[in-house]
Amino acid sequence: MNLVMKDPQARVDHAIDWSAYLAGQSLIASAWTVVPDEEGGLTVEDAAFEAQRSSVRLAGGIVGRVYRLINRVTLSDGQEDERTLTMRVEER
């Protein structure tokens, strides 16, 4: 498990490079979900995607909490896939 640290006051961008997994396909949709979804928790401020890369801007979070950031994508052939990042919020 890769654990990414985030300050609760920071607004940070994260990206996933899907190129190694696409086998000639491209991304046609991308959605980000934060688990748990809680008041004052980690939030998705903005998201975008290109043919082989998805990105997200995150804000907030409760100190000491661990969040799962899930990126679910749809490929040009209709297949779906997802990747999860684990994020811990700490004062930095």
C-alpha atoms as a PDB file:
ATOM      1  CA  MET A   1       0.000   0.000   0.000  1.00  0.00           C
ATOM      2  CA  ASN A   2       1.362   3.413  -0.968  1.00  0.00           C
ATOM      3  CA  LEU A   3       0.415   5.975   1.647  1.00  0.00           C
ATOM      4  CA  VAL A   4       0.362   9.619   0.573  1.00  0.00           C
ATOM      5  CA  MET A   5       0.469  12.328   3.253  1.00  0.00           C
ATOM      6  CA  LYS A   6      -1.607  15.516   2.971  1.00  0.00           C
ATOM      7  CA  ASP A   7      -1.870  18.600   5.185  1.00  0.00           C
ATOM      8  CA  PRO A   8      -5.515  19.522   5.915  1.00  0.00           C
ATOM      9  CA  GLN A   9      -4.912  23.096   4.675  1.00  0.00           C
ATOM     10  CA  ALA A  10      -3.204  22.033   1.444  1.00  0.00           C
ATOM     11  CA  ARG A  11      -4.898  21.974  -1.948  1.00  0.00           C
ATOM     12  CA  VAL A  12      -2.949  19.404  -3.950  1.00  0.00           C
ATOM     13  CA  ASP A  13      -3.091  17.734  -7.356  1.00  0.00           C
ATOM     14  CA  HIS A  14      -2.623  14.003  -7.924  1.00  0.00           C
ATOM     15  CA  ALA A  15      -2.596  12.086 -11.189  1.00  0.00           C
ATOM     16  CA  ILE A  16      -2.651   8.522 -12.420  1.00  0.00           C
ATOM     17  CA  ASP A  17      -0.789   7.618 -15.607  1.00  0.00           C
ATOM     18  CA  TRP A  18      -2.868   4.829 -17.152  1.00  0.00           C
ATOM     19  CA  SER A  19      -0.668   4.332 -20.238  1.00  0.00           C
ATOM     20  CA  ALA A  20       0.912   1.076 -19.015  1.00  0.00           C
ATOM     21  CA  TYR A  21      -2.529  -0.531 -18.579  1.00  0.00           C
ATOM     22  CA  LEU A  22      -4.389   0.654 -21.672  1.00  0.00           C
ATOM     23  CA  ALA A  23      -3.164  -1.781 -24.364  1.00  0.00           C
ATOM     24  CA  GLY A  24      -4.015   0.575 -27.220  1.00  0.00           C
ATOM     25  CA  GLN A  25      -7.155   1.964 -25.592  1.00  0.00           C
ATOM     26  CA  SER A  26      -7.737   5.485 -24.285  1.00  0.00           C
ATOM     27  CA  LEU A  27      -9.740   6.984 -21.442  1.00  0.00           C
ATOM     28  CA  ILE A  28     -13.210   8.251 -22.356  1.00  0.00           C
ATOM     29  CA  ALA A  29     -14.478   8.900 -18.807  1.00  0.00           C
ATOM     30  CA  SER A  30     -13.035   9.290 -15.319  1.00  0.00           C
ATOM     31  CA  ALA A  31     -14.705   9.648 -11.914  1.00  0.00           C
ATOM     32  CA  TRP A  32     -13.100  10.147  -8.490  1.00  0.00           C
ATOM     33  CA  THR A  33     -14.608   9.041  -5.169  1.00  0.00           C
ATOM     34  CA  VAL A  34     -13.384   9.634  -1.601  1.00  0.00           C
ATOM     35  CA  VAL A  35     -14.086   7.010   1.084  1.00  0.00           C
ATOM     36  CA  PRO A  36     -15.198   7.783   3.709  1.00  0.00           C
ATOM     37  CA  ASP A  37     -17.375  10.653   2.514  1.00  0.00           C
ATOM     38  CA  GLU A  38     -17.722  12.724   5.680  1.00  0.00           C
ATOM     39  CA  GLU A  39     -18.348  16.309   6.732  1.00  0.00           C
ATOM     40  CA  GLY A  40     -15.033  18.174   6.935  1.00  0.00           C
ATOM     41  CA  GLY A  41     -13.307  15.298   5.172  1.00  0.00           C
ATOM     42  CA  LEU A  42     -11.169  15.080   2.080  1.00  0.00           C
ATOM     43  CA  THR A  43     -12.949  16.556  -0.947  1.00  0.00           C
ATOM     44  CA  VAL A  44     -12.477  16.541  -4.711  1.00  0.00           C
ATOM     45  CA  GLU A  45     -12.313  20.167  -5.874  1.00  0.00           C
ATOM     46  CA  ASP A  46     -11.649  19.498  -9.549  1.00  0.00           C
ATOM     47  CA  ALA A  47     -10.972  16.555 -11.848  1.00  0.00           C
ATOM     48  CA  ALA A  48      -9.862  16.096 -15.435  1.00  0.00           C
ATOM     49  CA  PHE A  49      -8.636  13.411 -17.813  1.00  0.00           C
ATOM     50  CA  GLU A  50      -6.757  13.041 -21.073  1.00  0.00           C
ATOM     51  CA  ALA A  51      -6.331   9.992 -23.321  1.00  0.00           C
ATOM     52  CA  GLN A  52      -3.891   8.259 -20.937  1.00  0.00           C
ATOM     53  CA  ARG A  53      -3.947  10.244 -17.686  1.00  0.00           C
ATOM     54  CA  SER A  54      -6.498  11.233 -15.044  1.00  0.00           C
ATOM     55  CA  SER A  55      -5.996  13.949 -12.429  1.00  0.00           C
ATOM     56  CA  VAL A  56      -7.699  15.367  -9.376  1.00  0.00           C
ATOM     57  CA  ARG A  57      -7.348  18.388  -7.054  1.00  0.00           C
ATOM     58  CA  LEU A  58      -7.974  17.591  -3.384  1.00  0.00           C
ATOM     59  CA  ALA A  59      -8.726  19.810  -0.404  1.00  0.00           C
ATOM     60  CA  GLY A  60      -9.451  19.458   3.292  1.00  0.00           C
ATOM     61  CA  GLY A  61      -9.459  16.329   5.373  1.00  0.00           C
ATOM     62  CA  ILE A  62      -9.557  15.589   9.080  1.00  0.00           C
ATOM     63  CA  VAL A  63      -6.212  15.248  10.862  1.00  0.00           C
ATOM     64  CA  GLY A  64      -5.398  11.627  11.682  1.00  0.00           C
ATOM     65  CA  ARG A  65      -7.912  10.180   9.210  1.00  0.00           C
ATOM     66  CA  VAL A  66      -7.030   7.817   6.372  1.00  0.00           C
ATOM     67  CA  TYR A  67      -8.978   8.140   3.122  1.00  0.00           C
ATOM     68  CA  ARG A  68      -9.206   5.995   0.018  1.00  0.00           C
ATOM     69  CA  LEU A  69      -9.214   7.984  -3.201  1.00  0.00           C
ATOM     70  CA  ILE A  70     -10.716   5.836  -5.955  1.00  0.00           C
ATOM     71  CA  ASN A  71     -10.405   6.626  -9.666  1.00  0.00           C
ATOM     72  CA  ARG A  72     -12.805   4.663 -11.885  1.00  0.00           C
ATOM     73  CA  VAL A  73     -12.247   5.028 -15.618  1.00  0.00           C
ATOM     74  CA  THR A  74     -14.033   3.897 -18.762  1.00  0.00           C
ATOM     75  CA  LEU A  75     -11.885   2.874 -21.710  1.00  0.00           C
ATOM     76  CA  SER A  76     -12.591   3.470 -25.393  1.00  0.00           C
ATOM     77  CA  ASP A  77     -13.617  -0.199 -25.857  1.00  0.00           C
ATOM     78  CA  GLY A  78     -16.153   0.044 -23.014  1.00  0.00           C
ATOM     79  CA  GLN A  79     -14.095  -1.716 -20.342  1.00  0.00           C
ATOM     80  CA  GLU A  80     -13.924  -0.170 -16.872  1.00  0.00           C
ATOM     81  CA  ASP A  81     -11.017  -0.183 -14.436  1.00  0.00           C
ATOM     82  CA  GLU A  82     -10.093   1.528 -11.187  1.00  0.00           C
ATOM     83  CA  ARG A  83      -7.106   2.415  -9.050  1.00  0.00           C
ATOM     84  CA  THR A  84      -7.056   3.441  -5.392  1.00  0.00           C
ATOM     85  CA  LEU A  85      -4.704   5.845  -3.616  1.00  0.00           C
ATOM     86  CA  THR A  86      -4.513   5.814   0.192  1.00  0.00           C
ATOM     87  CA  MET A  87      -4.131   9.225   1.799  1.00  0.00           C
ATOM     88  CA  ARG A  88      -3.496  10.155   5.438  1.00  0.00           C
ATOM     89  CA  VAL A  89      -4.163  13.710   6.630  1.00  0.00           C
ATOM     90  CA  GLU A  90      -1.543  15.123   9.016  1.00  0.00           C
ATOM     91  CA  GLU A  91      -0.367  18.597  10.006  1.00  0.00           C
ATOM     92  CA  ARG A  92       2.872  19.153   8.094  1.00  0.00           C
END
